[in-house]
Amino acid sequence: MNRETRILGISGSLRQQSYNTAVLRAAVDLVPEGVTIETFELDGIPPFNQDEERNPPARVLELKRRVREADAILFVTPEYNYSVPGVLKNAIDWGSRPYGDNAWDGKPAAIMGASIGTIGTARAQYHLRQICVFLNVFPVNQPEVIIGNAAQRFDAEGDLTDETTKNYMRQLLENLVELMRRIQQPSTSVPISDRRPLFATSTTSETTHTGIGYQNGK
C-alpha cells in the first residue's frame, strides 16, 4: 500500500485573522485524493542568531524535522514592503542553517498568497522564488495563485468562498503533487522528442488577480 503524501503548509502571517492563514486552511480541503496538508505555525521561533545555529531552540528543531518528513512544502505568504514577511524569512533561515544542514534541500514547493490590495502578493512571491534558488527548493511555476482583493473572497467567518480562486488553488496543488512524483521517481533516459510537458498549460493568464495597484498584505 502506498504511503499517503504529506505536504507541510506554512503561513507567513502570525495575525489571528490572517487571510493567508485562511487560504492555508482552505487548501487543506482542496488537495487531491491520497494527499494531506499538515500545518506548522511560525510563532515561538526566535530571531535567527548564527551563534546559536549549532544549538538551535526546540521550536527550530521541530520545524526542521517537520520539513524533512514532508514530501512537499506549501508556502502561503503575505507581502510587506514588496517582500516576504520577516517571520517567514526568519524561519527559512533557521531551517537552512548551519551550512550543510539545509532542511529545505530538494523539496518541491507551491506558493500562494493573499492581500487586500489589487495585485495580491506578486512581489513577495517572486522574491520567495529567488530565495528558493539558494535553498535548492523547486517551486511549481503555474498556475500562480496571487489572490488580490481578498476581503471580497472570504466570508465573515474567514472561509474562502470564491470558486475561481479555489479552482486555481486545486490545480496548483495537483501540479505540486505531480512535480513531487516526478522528482521522486527514478530517472530514465527519454528522447527530447518524446517528452511531454510537466503540467498542462493554458493560453490564458493563470493568476487570480486582475488590474493594477498595491497594498501591503494581511
Protein backbone atom coordinates (compact mmCIF):
# COMPACT_ATOMS: atom_id res chain seq x y z
CA MET A 1 0.00 0.00 0.00
CA ASN A 2 1.34 3.41 -0.97
CA ARG A 3 2.06 5.87 1.83
CA GLU A 4 -0.11 8.95 1.94
CA THR A 5 1.58 12.03 0.51
CA ARG A 6 2.19 14.75 3.08
CA ILE A 7 2.51 18.45 2.32
CA LEU A 8 3.74 20.79 5.04
CA GLY A 9 1.79 24.06 4.88
CA ILE A 10 3.31 27.23 6.33
CA SER A 11 1.56 30.58 6.60
CA GLY A 12 3.87 33.57 6.73
CA SER A 13 1.49 35.52 8.96
CA LEU A 14 1.06 35.46 12.73
CA ARG A 15 -2.10 37.60 12.62
CA GLN A 16 -5.04 35.81 14.22
CA GLN A 17 -7.46 36.64 11.40
CA SER A 18 -4.92 36.49 8.59
CA TYR A 19 -6.25 35.99 5.08
CA ASN A 20 -3.16 33.93 4.32
CA THR A 21 -3.78 31.57 7.19
CA ALA A 22 -7.36 31.32 5.92
CA VAL A 23 -6.01 30.40 2.48
CA LEU A 24 -3.89 27.67 4.04
CA ARG A 25 -6.92 26.43 5.94
CA ALA A 26 -8.90 26.28 2.68
CA ALA A 27 -6.07 24.44 0.91
CA VAL A 28 -6.38 21.56 3.38
CA ASP A 29 -9.73 20.68 1.76
CA LEU A 30 -8.57 21.13 -1.84
CA VAL A 31 -5.76 18.58 -2.07
CA PRO A 32 -6.01 15.54 -4.38
CA GLU A 33 -7.11 12.19 -3.02
CA GLY A 34 -4.40 10.46 -1.00
CA VAL A 35 -2.74 13.75 -0.03
CA THR A 36 -2.88 15.62 3.28
CA ILE A 37 -1.68 19.06 4.32
CA GLU A 38 -0.19 19.32 7.80
CA THR A 39 0.39 22.85 9.05
CA PHE A 40 3.19 24.42 11.05
CA GLU A 41 2.78 27.77 12.81
CA LEU A 42 5.75 30.09 13.00
CA ASP A 43 5.04 31.63 16.38
CA GLY A 44 7.63 30.88 19.02
CA ILE A 45 10.61 30.83 16.66
CA PRO A 46 13.20 33.36 17.95
CA PRO A 47 15.16 35.70 15.64
CA PHE A 48 17.92 33.85 13.84
CA ASN A 49 21.28 34.07 15.60
CA GLN A 50 24.23 32.43 13.88
CA ASP A 51 25.91 31.97 17.27
CA GLU A 52 23.10 29.53 18.12
CA GLU A 53 22.75 27.74 14.79
CA ARG A 54 24.53 24.59 16.00
CA ASN A 55 22.45 24.51 19.16
CA PRO A 56 19.03 25.68 17.93
CA PRO A 57 15.99 26.01 20.17
CA ALA A 58 13.43 23.20 20.33
CA ARG A 59 10.95 25.03 18.09
CA VAL A 60 13.53 25.23 15.31
CA LEU A 61 14.40 21.54 15.67
CA GLU A 62 10.70 20.78 15.36
CA LEU A 63 10.46 22.90 12.20
CA LYS A 64 13.41 21.17 10.57
CA ARG A 65 12.06 17.75 11.48
CA ARG A 66 8.65 18.54 10.03
CA VAL A 67 10.17 19.94 6.82
CA ARG A 68 12.32 16.85 6.31
CA GLU A 69 9.40 14.50 6.93
CA ALA A 70 7.19 16.27 4.38
CA ASP A 71 7.06 15.25 0.74
CA ALA A 72 6.48 18.85 -0.35
CA ILE A 73 6.06 22.36 1.04
CA LEU A 74 3.22 24.85 0.65
CA PHE A 75 4.16 28.47 1.40
CA VAL A 76 1.30 30.92 1.87
CA THR A 77 2.83 34.35 2.16
CA PRO A 78 1.62 37.89 2.82
CA GLU A 79 3.53 40.79 1.32
CA TYR A 80 5.18 43.53 3.34
CA ASN A 81 7.30 46.27 1.79
CA TYR A 82 7.50 44.41 -1.54
CA SER A 83 8.85 41.24 0.08
CA VAL A 84 8.11 38.26 2.31
CA PRO A 85 7.37 38.89 6.00
CA GLY A 86 10.30 38.80 8.38
CA VAL A 87 8.75 35.94 10.33
CA LEU A 88 8.77 33.70 7.23
CA LYS A 89 12.29 34.66 6.17
CA ASN A 90 13.45 34.04 9.73
CA ALA A 91 12.02 30.52 9.70
CA ILE A 92 13.56 29.84 6.30
CA ASP A 93 16.96 30.98 7.58
CA TRP A 94 16.78 28.75 10.65
CA GLY A 95 15.72 25.79 8.51
CA SER A 96 18.66 26.21 6.15
CA ARG A 97 21.40 26.54 8.79
CA PRO A 98 24.08 25.67 9.66
CA TYR A 99 25.65 25.40 6.24
CA GLY A 100 25.37 21.83 5.02
CA ASP A 101 22.26 21.12 7.11
CA ASN A 102 19.58 22.64 4.89
CA ALA A 103 16.24 21.00 5.74
CA TRP A 104 14.60 22.53 2.66
CA ASP A 105 17.07 20.96 0.23
CA GLY A 106 15.43 19.26 -2.74
CA LYS A 107 11.84 19.87 -1.69
CA PRO A 108 9.15 20.63 -4.29
CA ALA A 109 7.04 23.60 -3.24
CA ALA A 110 3.95 25.59 -4.11
CA ILE A 111 3.48 29.28 -3.34
CA MET A 112 0.23 31.13 -2.68
CA GLY A 113 -0.60 34.47 -1.14
CA ALA A 114 -3.49 36.83 -0.44
CA SER A 115 -3.77 40.57 0.07
CA ILE A 116 -6.50 43.19 0.24
CA GLY A 117 -4.58 45.00 -2.50
CA THR A 118 -5.37 44.50 -6.17
CA ILE A 119 -2.22 42.65 -7.23
CA GLY A 120 -2.13 40.37 -4.23
CA THR A 121 1.29 39.22 -3.12
CA ALA A 122 3.01 39.10 -6.50
CA ARG A 123 6.22 40.83 -5.42
CA ALA A 124 6.57 38.73 -2.28
CA GLN A 125 6.02 35.53 -4.25
CA TYR A 126 8.68 36.41 -6.80
CA HIS A 127 11.09 37.30 -4.01
CA LEU A 128 10.35 33.97 -2.34
CA ARG A 129 11.12 32.22 -5.61
CA GLN A 130 14.54 33.90 -5.59
CA ILE A 131 15.14 32.59 -2.08
CA CYS A 132 14.20 29.10 -3.26
CA VAL A 133 17.13 29.13 -5.68
CA PHE A 134 19.71 29.04 -2.90
CA LEU A 135 17.61 26.66 -0.81
CA ASN A 136 17.51 24.22 -3.76
CA VAL A 137 13.72 24.19 -3.46
CA PHE A 138 11.71 23.59 -6.65
CA PRO A 139 8.57 25.75 -6.79
CA VAL A 140 5.76 24.96 -9.21
CA ASN A 141 5.57 27.67 -11.87
CA GLN A 142 1.89 27.57 -12.82
CA PRO A 143 -0.78 28.43 -12.00
CA GLU A 144 0.21 31.47 -9.99
CA VAL A 145 -2.19 31.80 -7.08
CA ILE A 146 -1.93 35.52 -6.37
CA ILE A 147 -5.13 36.41 -4.55
CA GLY A 148 -5.96 40.09 -4.75
CA ASN A 149 -8.94 41.88 -3.21
CA ALA A 150 -9.00 39.21 -0.51
CA ALA A 151 -11.76 40.87 1.50
CA GLN A 152 -14.18 40.07 -1.34
CA ARG A 153 -13.23 36.38 -1.44
CA PHE A 154 -13.87 35.39 2.18
CA ASP A 155 -17.00 35.43 4.34
CA ALA A 156 -17.34 36.90 7.81
CA GLU A 157 -16.08 33.65 9.38
CA GLY A 158 -12.88 33.75 7.31
CA ASP A 159 -13.87 30.94 4.96
CA LEU A 160 -12.88 31.17 1.31
CA THR A 161 -16.00 31.49 -0.85
CA ASP A 162 -14.63 32.39 -4.28
CA GLU A 163 -14.88 29.32 -6.53
CA THR A 164 -12.46 30.63 -9.15
CA THR A 165 -9.78 31.02 -6.51
CA LYS A 166 -10.50 27.53 -5.20
CA ASN A 167 -10.08 26.10 -8.70
CA TYR A 168 -6.68 27.76 -9.14
CA MET A 169 -5.60 26.50 -5.73
CA ARG A 170 -6.78 23.00 -6.53
CA GLN A 171 -4.84 22.99 -9.81
CA LEU A 172 -1.67 24.29 -8.14
CA LEU A 173 -1.85 21.56 -5.51
CA GLU A 174 -2.37 18.90 -8.18
CA ASN A 175 0.67 20.21 -10.04
CA LEU A 176 2.68 20.19 -6.84
CA VAL A 177 1.90 16.51 -6.29
CA GLU A 178 2.80 15.76 -9.90
CA LEU A 179 6.12 17.58 -9.53
CA MET A 180 6.85 15.70 -6.31
CA ARG A 181 6.25 12.38 -8.05
CA ARG A 182 8.47 13.36 -10.96
CA ILE A 183 11.27 14.28 -8.59
CA GLN A 184 10.95 11.11 -6.55
CA GLN A 185 10.72 8.64 -9.44
CA PRO A 186 13.92 7.06 -10.78
CA SER A 187 15.36 8.98 -13.68
CA THR A 188 15.10 7.43 -17.12
CA SER A 189 16.58 8.39 -20.42
CA VAL A 190 13.76 9.78 -22.59
CA PRO A 191 14.42 11.33 -26.00
CA ILE A 192 13.59 15.04 -26.05
CA SER A 193 11.11 14.46 -28.88
CA ASP A 194 9.13 12.05 -26.67
CA ARG A 195 8.98 14.23 -23.57
CA ARG A 196 5.66 15.75 -22.60
CA PRO A 197 5.14 18.99 -20.64
CA LEU A 198 5.32 18.60 -16.90
CA PHE A 199 1.94 20.29 -16.46
CA ALA A 200 -0.99 21.23 -18.60
CA THR A 201 -0.63 24.75 -19.93
CA SER A 202 -3.10 27.39 -20.96
CA THR A 203 -3.01 30.26 -23.40
CA THR A 204 -4.73 32.47 -20.82
CA SER A 205 -3.19 34.10 -17.78
CA GLU A 206 -3.29 31.71 -14.85
CA THR A 207 -3.41 34.10 -11.93
CA THR A 208 -6.23 35.04 -9.60
CA HIS A 209 -5.63 38.79 -9.62
CA THR A 210 -6.60 41.41 -12.17
CA GLY A 211 -5.81 45.08 -12.64
CA ILE A 212 -3.05 47.09 -11.04
CA GLY A 213 -2.40 48.52 -7.61
CA TYR A 214 -0.73 47.56 -4.37
CA GLN A 215 -1.40 47.39 -0.67
CA ASN A 216 0.58 45.53 1.98
CA GLY A 217 -0.76 42.06 2.62
CA LYS A 218 -2.54 40.55 5.54
